[in-house]
Amino acid sequence: MAGPIYIADAEGLRTVVLEGLTVLFHPRSGQTHIVAPPAPEILDVLCEGEADLDGLVARLRQRFDFDEAEGRAAIAARLSELEAAGLVRRS
């Protein structure tokens, strides 16, 4: 069974990269978030279209070289954090 489908809530999102971190201003919530990789990369990929965890890992592996098992765990953790911050939601 497929897991949840994730969607980026990035309309109007403004980003600034500062020394390896990314500052995100989310106009819908009025909040500013400071995130580290792979959070900005996850948001970039989700802005291309919704995806479940498997699809997201596959898209990110096309761009970056990482161990799939370790990467999957890190991506799942970042998805939870992005969801809690209101930057990602489930469809």
C-alpha atoms as a PDB file:
ATOM      1  CA  MET A   1       0.000   0.000   0.000  1.00  0.00           C
ATOM      2  CA  ALA A   2       1.293   3.429  -0.935  1.00  0.00           C
ATOM      3  CA  GLY A   3       1.943   5.957   1.809  1.00  0.00           C
ATOM      4  CA  PRO A   4       0.618   9.488   2.031  1.00  0.00           C
ATOM      5  CA  ILE A   5       0.994  11.894  -0.857  1.00  0.00           C
ATOM      6  CA  TYR A   6       2.799  15.115   0.045  1.00  0.00           C
ATOM      7  CA  ILE A   7       2.248  18.560  -1.477  1.00  0.00           C
ATOM      8  CA  ALA A   8       4.406  21.645  -0.931  1.00  0.00           C
ATOM      9  CA  ASP A   9       2.575  24.692   0.382  1.00  0.00           C
ATOM     10  CA  ALA A  10       5.014  27.013  -1.317  1.00  0.00           C
ATOM     11  CA  GLU A  11       2.817  29.644  -2.940  1.00  0.00           C
ATOM     12  CA  GLY A  12       4.631  32.929  -2.504  1.00  0.00           C
ATOM     13  CA  LEU A  13       7.414  31.251  -0.522  1.00  0.00           C
ATOM     14  CA  ARG A  14      10.526  33.410  -0.452  1.00  0.00           C
ATOM     15  CA  THR A  15      13.936  31.872   0.106  1.00  0.00           C
ATOM     16  CA  VAL A  16      17.398  33.171   0.906  1.00  0.00           C
ATOM     17  CA  VAL A  17      20.450  30.927   1.230  1.00  0.00           C
ATOM     18  CA  LEU A  18      22.903  31.980   3.937  1.00  0.00           C
ATOM     19  CA  GLU A  19      26.052  29.987   4.685  1.00  0.00           C
ATOM     20  CA  GLY A  20      24.567  26.554   4.037  1.00  0.00           C
ATOM     21  CA  LEU A  21      21.196  27.259   5.634  1.00  0.00           C
ATOM     22  CA  THR A  22      18.043  28.402   3.898  1.00  0.00           C
ATOM     23  CA  VAL A  23      15.754  31.055   5.331  1.00  0.00           C
ATOM     24  CA  LEU A  24      12.165  30.624   4.179  1.00  0.00           C
ATOM     25  CA  PHE A  25       9.419  33.194   4.553  1.00  0.00           C
ATOM     26  CA  HIS A  26       6.003  31.549   4.293  1.00  0.00           C
ATOM     27  CA  PRO A  27       3.509  34.336   3.545  1.00  0.00           C
ATOM     28  CA  ARG A  28       0.420  32.230   4.262  1.00  0.00           C
ATOM     29  CA  SER A  29       1.450  31.742   7.867  1.00  0.00           C
ATOM     30  CA  GLY A  30       3.557  34.877   8.195  1.00  0.00           C
ATOM     31  CA  GLN A  31       6.335  32.743   9.656  1.00  0.00           C
ATOM     32  CA  THR A  32      10.016  32.590   8.848  1.00  0.00           C
ATOM     33  CA  HIS A  33      11.788  29.233   9.018  1.00  0.00           C
ATOM     34  CA  ILE A  34      15.489  28.384   8.973  1.00  0.00           C
ATOM     35  CA  VAL A  35      16.129  24.973   7.428  1.00  0.00           C
ATOM     36  CA  ALA A  36      19.133  22.857   6.520  1.00  0.00           C
ATOM     37  CA  PRO A  37      19.548  20.290   3.762  1.00  0.00           C
ATOM     38  CA  PRO A  38      17.741  18.221   2.708  1.00  0.00           C
ATOM     39  CA  ALA A  39      14.660  20.326   3.606  1.00  0.00           C
ATOM     40  CA  PRO A  40      15.071  22.934   0.806  1.00  0.00           C
ATOM     41  CA  GLU A  41      15.757  20.193  -1.729  1.00  0.00           C
ATOM     42  CA  ILE A  42      12.620  18.324  -0.636  1.00  0.00           C
ATOM     43  CA  LEU A  43      10.559  21.489  -1.069  1.00  0.00           C
ATOM     44  CA  ASP A  44      12.084  22.093  -4.521  1.00  0.00           C
ATOM     45  CA  VAL A  45      11.168  18.592  -5.653  1.00  0.00           C
ATOM     46  CA  LEU A  46       7.653  18.817  -4.210  1.00  0.00           C
ATOM     47  CA  CYS A  47       7.133  22.126  -6.032  1.00  0.00           C
ATOM     48  CA  GLU A  48       7.467  20.101  -9.246  1.00  0.00           C
ATOM     49  CA  GLY A  49       4.461  18.022  -8.187  1.00  0.00           C
ATOM     50  CA  GLU A  50       3.060  15.969  -5.362  1.00  0.00           C
ATOM     51  CA  ALA A  51       4.738  12.706  -4.399  1.00  0.00           C
ATOM     52  CA  ASP A  52       4.730   9.936  -1.847  1.00  0.00           C
ATOM     53  CA  LEU A  53       7.920   9.052   0.022  1.00  0.00           C
ATOM     54  CA  ASP A  54       9.026   6.543  -2.632  1.00  0.00           C
ATOM     55  CA  GLY A  55       8.524   9.068  -5.427  1.00  0.00           C
ATOM     56  CA  LEU A  56      10.301  11.773  -3.497  1.00  0.00           C
ATOM     57  CA  VAL A  57      13.308   9.540  -2.788  1.00  0.00           C
ATOM     58  CA  ALA A  58      13.453   8.546  -6.471  1.00  0.00           C
ATOM     59  CA  ARG A  59      13.388  12.176  -7.648  1.00  0.00           C
ATOM     60  CA  LEU A  60      16.047  13.224  -5.151  1.00  0.00           C
ATOM     61  CA  ARG A  61      18.288  10.279  -6.107  1.00  0.00           C
ATOM     62  CA  GLN A  62      18.210  11.526  -9.709  1.00  0.00           C
ATOM     63  CA  ARG A  63      19.791  14.770  -8.504  1.00  0.00           C
ATOM     64  CA  PHE A  64      21.951  13.655  -5.578  1.00  0.00           C
ATOM     65  CA  ASP A  65      24.098  10.652  -4.729  1.00  0.00           C
ATOM     66  CA  PHE A  66      23.064   9.172  -1.363  1.00  0.00           C
ATOM     67  CA  ASP A  67      22.478   5.818   0.277  1.00  0.00           C
ATOM     68  CA  GLU A  68      18.822   5.015  -0.277  1.00  0.00           C
ATOM     69  CA  ALA A  69      18.125   3.524   3.174  1.00  0.00           C
ATOM     70  CA  GLU A  70      19.811   6.342   5.096  1.00  0.00           C
ATOM     71  CA  GLY A  71      18.369   8.943   2.745  1.00  0.00           C
ATOM     72  CA  ARG A  72      14.846   7.566   3.088  1.00  0.00           C
ATOM     73  CA  ALA A  73      15.018   7.874   6.880  1.00  0.00           C
ATOM     74  CA  ALA A  74      16.363  11.446   6.705  1.00  0.00           C
ATOM     75  CA  ILE A  75      13.797  12.464   4.092  1.00  0.00           C
ATOM     76  CA  ALA A  76      10.930  10.983   6.123  1.00  0.00           C
ATOM     77  CA  ALA A  77      12.109  12.894   9.196  1.00  0.00           C
ATOM     78  CA  ARG A  78      12.405  16.169   7.271  1.00  0.00           C
ATOM     79  CA  LEU A  79       8.943  15.633   5.739  1.00  0.00           C
ATOM     80  CA  SER A  80       7.475  15.374   9.234  1.00  0.00           C
ATOM     81  CA  GLU A  81       9.229  18.585  10.256  1.00  0.00           C
ATOM     82  CA  LEU A  82       8.139  20.409   7.103  1.00  0.00           C
ATOM     83  CA  GLU A  83       4.584  19.208   7.658  1.00  0.00           C
ATOM     84  CA  ALA A  84       4.631  20.412  11.282  1.00  0.00           C
ATOM     85  CA  ALA A  85       5.911  23.803  10.067  1.00  0.00           C
ATOM     86  CA  GLY A  86       3.057  24.048   7.557  1.00  0.00           C
ATOM     87  CA  LEU A  87       5.337  24.039   4.509  1.00  0.00           C
ATOM     88  CA  VAL A  88       4.171  20.597   3.356  1.00  0.00           C
ATOM     89  CA  ARG A  89       0.767  18.977   3.646  1.00  0.00           C
ATOM     90  CA  ARG A  90      -0.747  15.623   2.830  1.00  0.00           C
ATOM     91  CA  SER A  91      -3.275  15.389   0.048  1.00  0.00           C
END
